[in-house]
Amino acid sequence: VVKAEYYWGTKCWWIFLILGIAGVAASLSTDNILVSSLLGVFAFSSFW
């Protein structure tokens, strides 16, 4: 967060939106509960 804001300011927000959406899609498409959980954590960390 700190590095992204330092180099790109608020213009980088869409990158984390795409990462979050990709994480949600990947989490919903996997049957492995461990992998799905970690992808979910990654997705919502991106949204945060």
ModelCIF file with pLDDT and N, C-alpha, C, O atoms, coordinates in Angstrom:
data_MODEL
#
_entry.id   MODEL 
#
_entity.id                         1 
_entity.type                       polymer 
_entity.pdbx_number_of_molecules   1 
#
_entity_poly.entity_id                      1 
_entity_poly.type                           'polypeptide(L)' 
_entity_poly.nstd_linkage                   no 
_entity_poly.nstd_monomer                   no 
_entity_poly.pdbx_seq_one_letter_code       VVKAEYYWGTKCWWIFLILGIAGVAASLSTDNILVSSLLGVFAFSSFW 
_entity_poly.pdbx_seq_one_letter_code_can   VVKAEYYWGTKCWWIFLILGIAGVAASLSTDNILVSSLLGVFAFSSFW 
_entity_poly.pdbx_strand_id                 A 
#
loop_
_entity_poly_seq.entity_id 
_entity_poly_seq.num 
_entity_poly_seq.mon_id 
_entity_poly_seq.hetero 
1 1  VAL n 
1 2  VAL n 
1 3  LYS n 
1 4  ALA n 
1 5  GLU n 
1 6  TYR n 
1 7  TYR n 
1 8  TRP n 
1 9  GLY n 
1 10 THR n 
1 11 LYS n 
1 12 CYS n 
1 13 TRP n 
1 14 TRP n 
1 15 ILE n 
1 16 PHE n 
1 17 LEU n 
1 18 ILE n 
1 19 LEU n 
1 20 GLY n 
1 21 ILE n 
1 22 ALA n 
1 23 GLY n 
1 24 VAL n 
1 25 ALA n 
1 26 ALA n 
1 27 SER n 
1 28 LEU n 
1 29 SER n 
1 30 THR n 
1 31 ASP n 
1 32 ASN n 
1 33 ILE n 
1 34 LEU n 
1 35 VAL n 
1 36 SER n 
1 37 SER n 
1 38 LEU n 
1 39 LEU n 
1 40 GLY n 
1 41 VAL n 
1 42 PHE n 
1 43 ALA n 
1 44 PHE n 
1 45 SER n 
1 46 SER n 
1 47 PHE n 
1 48 TRP n 
#
_struct_asym.id          A 
_struct_asym.entity_id   1 
#
loop_
_ma_qa_metric.id 
_ma_qa_metric.mode 
_ma_qa_metric.name 
_ma_qa_metric.software_group_id 
_ma_qa_metric.type 
1 global pLDDT . pLDDT 
2 local  pLDDT . pLDDT 
#
_ma_qa_metric_global.metric_id      1 
_ma_qa_metric_global.metric_value   75.27 
_ma_qa_metric_global.model_id       1 
_ma_qa_metric_global.ordinal_id     1 
#
loop_
_ma_qa_metric_local.label_asym_id 
_ma_qa_metric_local.label_comp_id 
_ma_qa_metric_local.label_seq_id 
_ma_qa_metric_local.metric_id 
_ma_qa_metric_local.metric_value 
_ma_qa_metric_local.model_id 
_ma_qa_metric_local.ordinal_id 
A VAL 1  2 73.00 1 1  
A VAL 2  2 71.00 1 2  
A LYS 3  2 75.00 1 3  
A ALA 4  2 73.00 1 4  
A GLU 5  2 64.00 1 5  
A TYR 6  2 64.00 1 6  
A TYR 7  2 70.00 1 7  
A TRP 8  2 69.00 1 8  
A GLY 9  2 66.00 1 9  
A THR 10 2 64.00 1 10 
A LYS 11 2 66.00 1 11 
A CYS 12 2 70.00 1 12 
A TRP 13 2 68.00 1 13 
A TRP 14 2 68.00 1 14 
A ILE 15 2 79.00 1 15 
A PHE 16 2 78.00 1 16 
A LEU 17 2 77.00 1 17 
A ILE 18 2 81.00 1 18 
A LEU 19 2 82.00 1 19 
A GLY 20 2 80.00 1 20 
A ILE 21 2 79.00 1 21 
A ALA 22 2 78.00 1 22 
A GLY 23 2 80.00 1 23 
A VAL 24 2 76.00 1 24 
A ALA 25 2 73.00 1 25 
A ALA 26 2 76.00 1 26 
A SER 27 2 74.00 1 27 
A LEU 28 2 65.00 1 28 
A SER 29 2 65.00 1 29 
A THR 30 2 68.00 1 30 
A ASP 31 2 65.00 1 31 
A ASN 32 2 74.00 1 32 
A ILE 33 2 73.00 1 33 
A LEU 34 2 77.00 1 34 
A VAL 35 2 81.00 1 35 
A SER 36 2 78.00 1 36 
A SER 37 2 81.00 1 37 
A LEU 38 2 85.00 1 38 
A LEU 39 2 84.00 1 39 
A GLY 40 2 82.00 1 40 
A VAL 41 2 86.00 1 41 
A PHE 42 2 86.00 1 42 
A ALA 43 2 83.00 1 43 
A PHE 44 2 83.00 1 44 
A SER 45 2 83.00 1 45 
A SER 46 2 82.00 1 46 
A PHE 47 2 80.00 1 47 
A TRP 48 2 78.00 1 48 
#
loop_
_atom_site.group_PDB 
_atom_site.id 
_atom_site.type_symbol 
_atom_site.label_atom_id 
_atom_site.label_alt_id 
_atom_site.label_comp_id 
_atom_site.label_asym_id 
_atom_site.label_entity_id 
_atom_site.label_seq_id 
_atom_site.pdbx_PDB_ins_code 
_atom_site.Cartn_x 
_atom_site.Cartn_y 
_atom_site.Cartn_z 
_atom_site.occupancy 
_atom_site.B_iso_or_equiv 
_atom_site.pdbx_formal_charge 
_atom_site.auth_seq_id 
_atom_site.auth_comp_id 
_atom_site.auth_asym_id 
_atom_site.auth_atom_id 
_atom_site.pdbx_PDB_model_num 
ATOM 1   N N  . VAL A 1 1  ? 0.833   -1.207  0.000   1.00 73.00 ? 1  VAL A N  1 
ATOM 2   C CA . VAL A 1 1  ? 0.000   0.000   0.000   1.00 73.00 ? 1  VAL A CA 1 
ATOM 3   C C  . VAL A 1 1  ? 0.863   1.250   0.000   1.00 73.00 ? 1  VAL A C  1 
ATOM 4   O O  . VAL A 1 1  ? 0.653   2.167   -0.794  1.00 73.00 ? 1  VAL A O  1 
ATOM 5   N N  . VAL A 1 2  ? 1.831   1.273   0.896   1.00 71.00 ? 2  VAL A N  1 
ATOM 6   C CA . VAL A 1 2  ? 2.697   2.450   1.042   1.00 71.00 ? 2  VAL A CA 1 
ATOM 7   C C  . VAL A 1 2  ? 3.492   2.701   -0.242  1.00 71.00 ? 2  VAL A C  1 
ATOM 8   O O  . VAL A 1 2  ? 3.557   3.831   -0.726  1.00 71.00 ? 2  VAL A O  1 
ATOM 9   N N  . LYS A 1 3  ? 4.094   1.644   -0.789  1.00 75.00 ? 3  LYS A N  1 
ATOM 10  C CA . LYS A 1 3  ? 4.902   1.785   -1.999  1.00 75.00 ? 3  LYS A CA 1 
ATOM 11  C C  . LYS A 1 3  ? 4.049   2.192   -3.201  1.00 75.00 ? 3  LYS A C  1 
ATOM 12  O O  . LYS A 1 3  ? 4.445   3.054   -3.986  1.00 75.00 ? 3  LYS A O  1 
ATOM 13  N N  . ALA A 1 4  ? 2.887   1.573   -3.341  1.00 73.00 ? 4  ALA A N  1 
ATOM 14  C CA . ALA A 1 4  ? 2.006   1.868   -4.477  1.00 73.00 ? 4  ALA A CA 1 
ATOM 15  C C  . ALA A 1 4  ? 1.564   3.328   -4.450  1.00 73.00 ? 4  ALA A C  1 
ATOM 16  O O  . ALA A 1 4  ? 1.578   4.014   -5.472  1.00 73.00 ? 4  ALA A O  1 
ATOM 17  N N  . GLU A 1 5  ? 1.171   3.791   -3.262  1.00 64.00 ? 5  GLU A N  1 
ATOM 18  C CA . GLU A 1 5  ? 0.718   5.186   -3.136  1.00 64.00 ? 5  GLU A CA 1 
ATOM 19  C C  . GLU A 1 5  ? 1.879   6.142   -3.390  1.00 64.00 ? 5  GLU A C  1 
ATOM 20  O O  . GLU A 1 5  ? 1.687   7.208   -3.977  1.00 64.00 ? 5  GLU A O  1 
ATOM 21  N N  . TYR A 1 6  ? 3.088   5.768   -2.951  1.00 64.00 ? 6  TYR A N  1 
ATOM 22  C CA . TYR A 1 6  ? 4.262   6.636   -3.098  1.00 64.00 ? 6  TYR A CA 1 
ATOM 23  C C  . TYR A 1 6  ? 4.610   6.838   -4.576  1.00 64.00 ? 6  TYR A C  1 
ATOM 24  O O  . TYR A 1 6  ? 4.885   7.959   -5.004  1.00 64.00 ? 6  TYR A O  1 
ATOM 25  N N  . TYR A 1 7  ? 4.598   5.750   -5.352  1.00 70.00 ? 7  TYR A N  1 
ATOM 26  C CA . TYR A 1 7  ? 5.021   5.828   -6.750  1.00 70.00 ? 7  TYR A CA 1 
ATOM 27  C C  . TYR A 1 7  ? 3.899   6.242   -7.706  1.00 70.00 ? 7  TYR A C  1 
ATOM 28  O O  . TYR A 1 7  ? 4.160   6.925   -8.697  1.00 70.00 ? 7  TYR A O  1 
ATOM 29  N N  . TRP A 1 8  ? 2.652   5.838   -7.424  1.00 69.00 ? 8  TRP A N  1 
ATOM 30  C CA . TRP A 1 8  ? 1.568   6.069   -8.385  1.00 69.00 ? 8  TRP A CA 1 
ATOM 31  C C  . TRP A 1 8  ? 0.400   6.881   -7.832  1.00 69.00 ? 8  TRP A C  1 
ATOM 32  O O  . TRP A 1 8  ? -0.495  7.257   -8.589  1.00 69.00 ? 8  TRP A O  1 
ATOM 33  N N  . GLY A 1 9  ? 0.388   7.161   -6.526  1.00 66.00 ? 9  GLY A N  1 
ATOM 34  C CA . GLY A 1 9  ? -0.748  7.878   -5.952  1.00 66.00 ? 9  GLY A CA 1 
ATOM 35  C C  . GLY A 1 9  ? -2.018  7.048   -6.021  1.00 66.00 ? 9  GLY A C  1 
ATOM 36  O O  . GLY A 1 9  ? -1.963  5.818   -6.015  1.00 66.00 ? 9  GLY A O  1 
ATOM 37  N N  . THR A 1 10 ? -3.165  7.721   -6.087  1.00 64.00 ? 10 THR A N  1 
ATOM 38  C CA . THR A 1 10 ? -4.449  6.987   -6.110  1.00 64.00 ? 10 THR A CA 1 
ATOM 39  C C  . THR A 1 10 ? -4.747  6.374   -7.471  1.00 64.00 ? 10 THR A C  1 
ATOM 40  O O  . THR A 1 10 ? -5.708  5.618   -7.614  1.00 64.00 ? 10 THR A O  1 
ATOM 41  N N  . LYS A 1 11 ? -3.922  6.697   -8.486  1.00 66.00 ? 11 LYS A N  1 
ATOM 42  C CA . LYS A 1 11 ? -4.184  6.187   -9.836  1.00 66.00 ? 11 LYS A CA 1 
ATOM 43  C C  . LYS A 1 11 ? -4.062  4.666   -9.921  1.00 66.00 ? 11 LYS A C  1 
ATOM 44  O O  . LYS A 1 11 ? -4.549  4.053   -10.871 1.00 66.00 ? 11 LYS A O  1 
ATOM 45  N N  . CYS A 1 12 ? -3.412  4.061   -8.928  1.00 70.00 ? 12 CYS A N  1 
ATOM 46  C CA . CYS A 1 12 ? -3.172  2.612   -8.985  1.00 70.00 ? 12 CYS A CA 1 
ATOM 47  C C  . CYS A 1 12 ? -4.325  1.786   -8.426  1.00 70.00 ? 12 CYS A C  1 
ATOM 48  O O  . CYS A 1 12 ? -4.238  0.559   -8.393  1.00 70.00 ? 12 CYS A O  1 
ATOM 49  N N  . TRP A 1 13 ? -5.411  2.438   -7.983  1.00 68.00 ? 13 TRP A N  1 
ATOM 50  C CA . TRP A 1 13 ? -6.477  1.692   -7.313  1.00 68.00 ? 13 TRP A CA 1 
ATOM 51  C C  . TRP A 1 13 ? -7.078  0.599   -8.199  1.00 68.00 ? 13 TRP A C  1 
ATOM 52  O O  . TRP A 1 13 ? -7.455  -0.466  -7.711  1.00 68.00 ? 13 TRP A O  1 
ATOM 53  N N  . TRP A 1 14 ? -7.167  0.874   -9.522  1.00 68.00 ? 14 TRP A N  1 
ATOM 54  C CA . TRP A 1 14 ? -7.800  -0.083  -10.434 1.00 68.00 ? 14 TRP A CA 1 
ATOM 55  C C  . TRP A 1 14 ? -7.005  -1.389  -10.536 1.00 68.00 ? 14 TRP A C  1 
ATOM 56  O O  . TRP A 1 14 ? -7.568  -2.443  -10.830 1.00 68.00 ? 14 TRP A O  1 
ATOM 57  N N  . ILE A 1 15 ? -5.686  -1.311  -10.291 1.00 79.00 ? 15 ILE A N  1 
ATOM 58  C CA . ILE A 1 15 ? -4.859  -2.535  -10.321 1.00 79.00 ? 15 ILE A CA 1 
ATOM 59  C C  . ILE A 1 15 ? -5.330  -3.505  -9.232  1.00 79.00 ? 15 ILE A C  1 
ATOM 60  O O  . ILE A 1 15 ? -5.468  -4.707  -9.461  1.00 79.00 ? 15 ILE A O  1 
ATOM 61  N N  . PHE A 1 16 ? -5.573  -2.944  -8.038  1.00 78.00 ? 16 PHE A N  1 
ATOM 62  C CA . PHE A 1 16 ? -6.007  -3.790  -6.924  1.00 78.00 ? 16 PHE A CA 1 
ATOM 63  C C  . PHE A 1 16 ? -7.451  -4.266  -7.118  1.00 78.00 ? 16 PHE A C  1 
ATOM 64  O O  . PHE A 1 16 ? -7.830  -5.331  -6.630  1.00 78.00 ? 16 PHE A O  1 
ATOM 65  N N  . LEU A 1 17 ? -8.255  -3.464  -7.836  1.00 77.00 ? 17 LEU A N  1 
ATOM 66  C CA . LEU A 1 17 ? -9.611  -3.907  -8.160  1.00 77.00 ? 17 LEU A CA 1 
ATOM 67  C C  . LEU A 1 17 ? -9.556  -5.144  -9.052  1.00 77.00 ? 17 LEU A C  1 
ATOM 68  O O  . LEU A 1 17 ? -10.274 -6.117  -8.819  1.00 77.00 ? 17 LEU A O  1 
ATOM 69  N N  . ILE A 1 18 ? -8.697  -5.100  -10.077 1.00 81.00 ? 18 ILE A N  1 
ATOM 70  C CA . ILE A 1 18 ? -8.554  -6.247  -10.995 1.00 81.00 ? 18 ILE A CA 1 
ATOM 71  C C  . ILE A 1 18 ? -8.022  -7.463  -10.242 1.00 81.00 ? 18 ILE A C  1 
ATOM 72  O O  . ILE A 1 18 ? -8.498  -8.581  -10.441 1.00 81.00 ? 18 ILE A O  1 
ATOM 73  N N  . LEU A 1 19 ? -7.021  -7.238  -9.368  1.00 82.00 ? 19 LEU A N  1 
ATOM 74  C CA . LEU A 1 19 ? -6.472  -8.347  -8.577  1.00 82.00 ? 19 LEU A CA 1 
ATOM 75  C C  . LEU A 1 19 ? -7.545  -8.951  -7.677  1.00 82.00 ? 19 LEU A C  1 
ATOM 76  O O  . LEU A 1 19 ? -7.627  -10.171 -7.531  1.00 82.00 ? 19 LEU A O  1 
ATOM 77  N N  . GLY A 1 20 ? -8.372  -8.087  -7.071  1.00 80.00 ? 20 GLY A N  1 
ATOM 78  C CA . GLY A 1 20 ? -9.447  -8.567  -6.200  1.00 80.00 ? 20 GLY A CA 1 
ATOM 79  C C  . GLY A 1 20 ? -10.471 -9.389  -6.961  1.00 80.00 ? 20 GLY A C  1 
ATOM 80  O O  . GLY A 1 20 ? -10.893 -10.453 -6.507  1.00 80.00 ? 20 GLY A O  1 
ATOM 81  N N  . ILE A 1 21 ? -10.870 -8.884  -8.129  1.00 79.00 ? 21 ILE A N  1 
ATOM 82  C CA . ILE A 1 21 ? -11.851 -9.608  -8.958  1.00 79.00 ? 21 ILE A CA 1 
ATOM 83  C C  . ILE A 1 21 ? -11.282 -10.955 -9.396  1.00 79.00 ? 21 ILE A C  1 
ATOM 84  O O  . ILE A 1 21 ? -11.975 -11.973 -9.371  1.00 79.00 ? 21 ILE A O  1 
ATOM 85  N N  . ALA A 1 22 ? -10.008 -10.948 -9.799  1.00 78.00 ? 22 ALA A N  1 
ATOM 86  C CA . ALA A 1 22 ? -9.359  -12.202 -10.218 1.00 78.00 ? 22 ALA A CA 1 
ATOM 87  C C  . ALA A 1 22 ? -9.315  -13.185 -9.056  1.00 78.00 ? 22 ALA A C  1 
ATOM 88  O O  . ALA A 1 22 ? -9.537  -14.382 -9.238  1.00 78.00 ? 22 ALA A O  1 
ATOM 89  N N  . GLY A 1 23 ? -9.024  -12.668 -7.848  1.00 80.00 ? 23 GLY A N  1 
ATOM 90  C CA . GLY A 1 23 ? -8.980  -13.534 -6.666  1.00 80.00 ? 23 GLY A CA 1 
ATOM 91  C C  . GLY A 1 23 ? -10.335 -14.134 -6.350  1.00 80.00 ? 23 GLY A C  1 
ATOM 92  O O  . GLY A 1 23 ? -10.430 -15.316 -6.019  1.00 80.00 ? 23 GLY A O  1 
ATOM 93  N N  . VAL A 1 24 ? -11.408 -13.316 -6.449  1.00 76.00 ? 24 VAL A N  1 
ATOM 94  C CA . VAL A 1 24 ? -12.769 -13.808 -6.204  1.00 76.00 ? 24 VAL A CA 1 
ATOM 95  C C  . VAL A 1 24 ? -13.133 -14.883 -7.213  1.00 76.00 ? 24 VAL A C  1 
ATOM 96  O O  . VAL A 1 24 ? -13.657 -15.936 -6.852  1.00 76.00 ? 24 VAL A O  1 
ATOM 97  N N  . ALA A 1 25 ? -12.850 -14.608 -8.494  1.00 73.00 ? 25 ALA A N  1 
ATOM 98  C CA . ALA A 1 25 ? -13.178 -15.577 -9.553  1.00 73.00 ? 25 ALA A CA 1 
ATOM 99  C C  . ALA A 1 25 ? -12.432 -16.895 -9.340  1.00 73.00 ? 25 ALA A C  1 
ATOM 100 O O  . ALA A 1 25 ? -13.010 -17.974 -9.474  1.00 73.00 ? 25 ALA A O  1 
ATOM 101 N N  . ALA A 1 26 ? -11.143 -16.796 -9.008  1.00 76.00 ? 26 ALA A N  1 
ATOM 102 C CA . ALA A 1 26 ? -10.343 -18.009 -8.794  1.00 76.00 ? 26 ALA A CA 1 
ATOM 103 C C  . ALA A 1 26 ? -10.831 -18.773 -7.567  1.00 76.00 ? 26 ALA A C  1 
ATOM 104 O O  . ALA A 1 26 ? -10.874 -20.004 -7.569  1.00 76.00 ? 26 ALA A O  1 
ATOM 105 N N  . SER A 1 27 ? -11.204 -18.025 -6.504  1.00 74.00 ? 27 SER A N  1 
ATOM 106 C CA . SER A 1 27 ? -11.687 -18.674 -5.277  1.00 74.00 ? 27 SER A CA 1 
ATOM 107 C C  . SER A 1 27 ? -12.978 -19.443 -5.528  1.00 74.00 ? 27 SER A C  1 
ATOM 108 O O  . SER A 1 27 ? -13.173 -20.538 -5.002  1.00 74.00 ? 27 SER A O  1 
ATOM 109 N N  . LEU A 1 28 ? -13.858 -18.856 -6.338  1.00 65.00 ? 28 LEU A N  1 
ATOM 110 C CA . LEU A 1 28 ? -15.141 -19.495 -6.620  1.00 65.00 ? 28 LEU A CA 1 
ATOM 111 C C  . LEU A 1 28 ? -15.017 -20.692 -7.557  1.00 65.00 ? 28 LEU A C  1 
ATOM 112 O O  . LEU A 1 28 ? -15.906 -21.541 -7.610  1.00 65.00 ? 28 LEU A O  1 
ATOM 113 N N  . SER A 1 29 ? -13.904 -20.755 -8.299  1.00 65.00 ? 29 SER A N  1 
ATOM 114 C CA . SER A 1 29 ? -13.769 -21.806 -9.314  1.00 65.00 ? 29 SER A CA 1 
ATOM 115 C C  . SER A 1 29 ? -12.978 -23.018 -8.843  1.00 65.00 ? 29 SER A C  1 
ATOM 116 O O  . SER A 1 29 ? -12.862 -23.999 -9.578  1.00 65.00 ? 29 SER A O  1 
ATOM 117 N N  . THR A 1 30 ? -12.427 -22.967 -7.621  1.00 68.00 ? 30 THR A N  1 
ATOM 118 C CA . THR A 1 30 ? -11.633 -24.112 -7.148  1.00 68.00 ? 30 THR A CA 1 
ATOM 119 C C  . THR A 1 30 ? -12.386 -24.904 -6.083  1.00 68.00 ? 30 THR A C  1 
ATOM 120 O O  . THR A 1 30 ? -13.102 -24.330 -5.262  1.00 68.00 ? 30 THR A O  1 
ATOM 121 N N  . ASP A 1 31 ? -12.222 -26.210 -6.101  1.00 65.00 ? 31 ASP A N  1 
ATOM 122 C CA . ASP A 1 31 ? -12.888 -27.090 -5.138  1.00 65.00 ? 31 ASP A CA 1 
ATOM 123 C C  . ASP A 1 31 ? -12.064 -27.298 -3.873  1.00 65.00 ? 31 ASP A C  1 
ATOM 124 O O  . ASP A 1 31 ? -12.590 -27.760 -2.861  1.00 65.00 ? 31 ASP A O  1 
ATOM 125 N N  . ASN A 1 32 ? -10.784 -26.964 -3.921  1.00 74.00 ? 32 ASN A N  1 
ATOM 126 C CA . ASN A 1 32 ? -9.915  -27.167 -2.770  1.00 74.00 ? 32 ASN A CA 1 
ATOM 127 C C  . ASN A 1 32 ? -10.167 -26.065 -1.746  1.00 74.00 ? 32 ASN A C  1 
ATOM 128 O O  . ASN A 1 32 ? -9.911  -24.893 -2.020  1.00 74.00 ? 32 ASN A O  1 
ATOM 129 N N  . ILE A 1 33 ? -10.667 -26.437 -0.566  1.00 73.00 ? 33 ILE A N  1 
ATOM 130 C CA . ILE A 1 33 ? -11.078 -25.450 0.430   1.00 73.00 ? 33 ILE A CA 1 
ATOM 131 C C  . ILE A 1 33 ? -9.896  -24.612 0.908   1.00 73.00 ? 33 ILE A C  1 
ATOM 132 O O  . ILE A 1 33 ? -10.062 -23.425 1.190   1.00 73.00 ? 33 ILE A O  1 
ATOM 133 N N  . LEU A 1 34 ? -8.698  -25.207 1.005   1.00 77.00 ? 34 LEU A N  1 
ATOM 134 C CA . LEU A 1 34 ? -7.512  -24.471 1.448   1.00 77.00 ? 34 LEU A CA 1 
ATOM 135 C C  . LEU A 1 34 ? -7.133  -23.401 0.425   1.00 77.00 ? 34 LEU A C  1 
ATOM 136 O O  . LEU A 1 34 ? -6.943  -22.235 0.772   1.00 77.00 ? 34 LEU A O  1 
ATOM 137 N N  . VAL A 1 35 ? -7.027  -23.812 -0.833  1.00 81.00 ? 35 VAL A N  1 
ATOM 138 C CA . VAL A 1 35 ? -6.662  -22.873 -1.903  1.00 81.00 ? 35 VAL A CA 1 
ATOM 139 C C  . VAL A 1 35 ? -7.737  -21.804 -2.048  1.00 81.00 ? 35 VAL A C  1 
ATOM 140 O O  . VAL A 1 35 ? -7.429  -20.622 -2.202  1.00 81.00 ? 35 VAL A O  1 
ATOM 141 N N  . SER A 1 36 ? -9.013  -22.226 -1.999  1.00 78.00 ? 36 SER A N  1 
ATOM 142 C CA . SER A 1 36 ? -10.127 -21.283 -2.126  1.00 78.00 ? 36 SER A CA 1 
ATOM 143 C C  . SER A 1 36 ? -10.091 -20.231 -1.019  1.00 78.00 ? 36 SER A C  1 
ATOM 144 O O  . SER A 1 36 ? -10.318 -19.048 -1.274  1.00 78.00 ? 36 SER A O  1 
ATOM 145 N N  . SER A 1 37 ? -9.804  -20.663 0.211   1.00 81.00 ? 37 SER A N  1 
ATOM 146 C CA . SER A 1 37 ? -9.742  -19.732 1.352   1.00 81.00 ? 37 SER A CA 1 
ATOM 147 C C  . SER A 1 37 ? -8.631  -18.708 1.165   1.00 81.00 ? 37 SER A C  1 
ATOM 148 O O  . SER A 1 37 ? -8.836  -17.516 1.392   1.00 81.00 ? 37 SER A O  1 
ATOM 149 N N  . LEU A 1 38 ? -7.461  -19.169 0.753   1.00 85.00 ? 38 LEU A N  1 
ATOM 150 C CA . LEU A 1 38 ? -6.323  -18.264 0.597   1.00 85.00 ? 38 LEU A CA 1 
ATOM 151 C C  . LEU A 1 38 ? -6.542  -17.297 -0.566  1.00 85.00 ? 38 LEU A C  1 
ATOM 152 O O  . LEU A 1 38 ? -6.142  -16.135 -0.490  1.00 85.00 ? 38 LEU A O  1 
ATOM 153 N N  . LEU A 1 39 ? -7.163  -17.762 -1.622  1.00 84.00 ? 39 LEU A N  1 
ATOM 154 C CA . LEU A 1 39 ? -7.495  -16.862 -2.734  1.00 84.00 ? 39 LEU A CA 1 
ATOM 155 C C  . LEU A 1 39 ? -8.510  -15.812 -2.290  1.00 84.00 ? 39 LEU A C  1 
ATOM 156 O O  . LEU A 1 39 ? -8.454  -14.658 -2.715  1.00 84.00 ? 39 LEU A O  1 
ATOM 157 N N  . GLY A 1 40 ? -9.444  -16.233 -1.425  1.00 82.00 ? 40 GLY A N  1 
ATOM 158 C CA . GLY A 1 40 ? -10.417 -15.283 -0.876  1.00 82.00 ? 40 GLY A CA 1 
ATOM 159 C C  . GLY A 1 40 ? -9.742  -14.219 -0.026  1.00 82.00 ? 40 GLY A C  1 
ATOM 160 O O  . GLY A 1 40 ? -10.080 -13.039 -0.120  1.00 82.00 ? 40 GLY A O  1 
ATOM 161 N N  . VAL A 1 41 ? -8.786  -14.632 0.804   1.00 86.00 ? 41 VAL A N  1 
ATOM 162 C CA . VAL A 1 41 ? -8.027  -13.675 1.631   1.00 86.00 ? 41 VAL A CA 1 
ATOM 163 C C  . VAL A 1 41 ? -7.273  -12.697 0.736   1.00 86.00 ? 41 VAL A C  1 
ATOM 164 O O  . VAL A 1 41 ? -7.262  -11.493 0.990   1.00 86.00 ? 41 VAL A O  1 
ATOM 165 N N  . PHE A 1 42 ? -6.641  -13.225 -0.315  1.00 86.00 ? 42 PHE A N  1 
ATOM 166 C CA . PHE A 1 42 ? -5.912  -12.374 -1.264  1.00 86.00 ? 42 PHE A CA 1 
ATOM 167 C C  . PHE A 1 42 ? -6.853  -11.377 -1.928  1.00 86.00 ? 42 PHE A C  1 
ATOM 168 O O  . PHE A 1 42 ? -6.516  -10.201 -2.070  1.00 86.00 ? 42 PHE A O  1 
ATOM 169 N N  . ALA A 1 43 ? -8.044  -11.850 -2.339  1.00 83.00 ? 43 ALA A N  1 
ATOM 170 C CA . ALA A 1 43 ? -9.003  -10.990 -3.033  1.00 83.00 ? 43 ALA A CA 1 
ATOM 171 C C  . ALA A 1 43 ? -9.449  -9.827  -2.145  1.00 83.00 ? 43 ALA A C  1 
ATOM 172 O O  . ALA A 1 43 ? -9.429  -8.672  -2.569  1.00 83.00 ? 43 ALA A O  1 
ATOM 173 N N  . PHE A 1 44 ? -9.849  -10.141 -0.915  1.00 83.00 ? 44 PHE A N  1 
ATOM 174 C CA . PHE A 1 44 ? -10.380 -9.083  -0.052  1.00 83.00 ? 44 PHE A CA 1 
ATOM 175 C C  . PHE A 1 44 ? -9.269  -8.199  0.513   1.00 83.00 ? 44 PHE A C  1 
ATOM 176 O O  . PHE A 1 44 ? -9.529  -7.059  0.898   1.00 83.00 ? 44 PHE A O  1 
ATOM 177 N N  . SER A 1 45 ? -8.049  -8.701  0.569   1.00 83.00 ? 45 SER A N  1 
ATOM 178 C CA . SER A 1 45 ? -6.911  -7.843  0.911   1.00 83.00 ? 45 SER A CA 1 
ATOM 179 C C  . SER A 1 45 ? -6.681  -6.829  -0.208  1.00 83.00 ? 45 SER A C  1 
ATOM 180 O O  . SER A 1 45 ? -6.316  -5.683  0.051   1.00 83.00 ? 45 SER A O  1 
ATOM 181 N N  . SER A 1 46 ? -6.896  -7.257  -1.449  1.00 82.00 ? 46 SER A N  1 
ATOM 182 C CA . SER A 1 46 ? -6.772  -6.346  -2.590  1.00 82.00 ? 46 SER A CA 1 
ATOM 183 C C  . SER A 1 46 ? -7.840  -5.258  -2.527  1.00 82.00 ? 46 SER A C  1 
ATOM 184 O O  . SER A 1 46 ? -7.551  -4.085  -2.761  1.00 82.00 ? 46 SER A O  1 
ATOM 185 N N  . PHE A 1 47 ? -9.078  -5.649  -2.210  1.00 80.00 ? 47 PHE A N  1 
ATOM 186 C CA . PHE A 1 47 ? -10.149 -4.653  -2.088  1.00 80.00 ? 47 PHE A CA 1 
ATOM 187 C C  . PHE A 1 47 ? -9.865  -3.686  -0.935  1.00 80.00 ? 47 PHE A C  1 
ATOM 188 O O  . PHE A 1 47 ? -10.114 -2.486  -1.054  1.00 80.00 ? 47 PHE A O  1 
ATOM 189 N N  . TRP A 1 48 ? -9.344  -4.208  0.178   1.00 78.00 ? 48 TRP A N  1 
ATOM 190 C CA . TRP A 1 48 ? -8.993  -3.365  1.316   1.00 78.00 ? 48 TRP A CA 1 
ATOM 191 C C  . TRP A 1 48 ? -7.917  -2.354  0.924   1.00 78.00 ? 48 TRP A C  1 
ATOM 192 O O  . TRP A 1 48 ? -7.489  -1.554  1.756   1.00 78.00 ? 48 TRP A O  1 
#
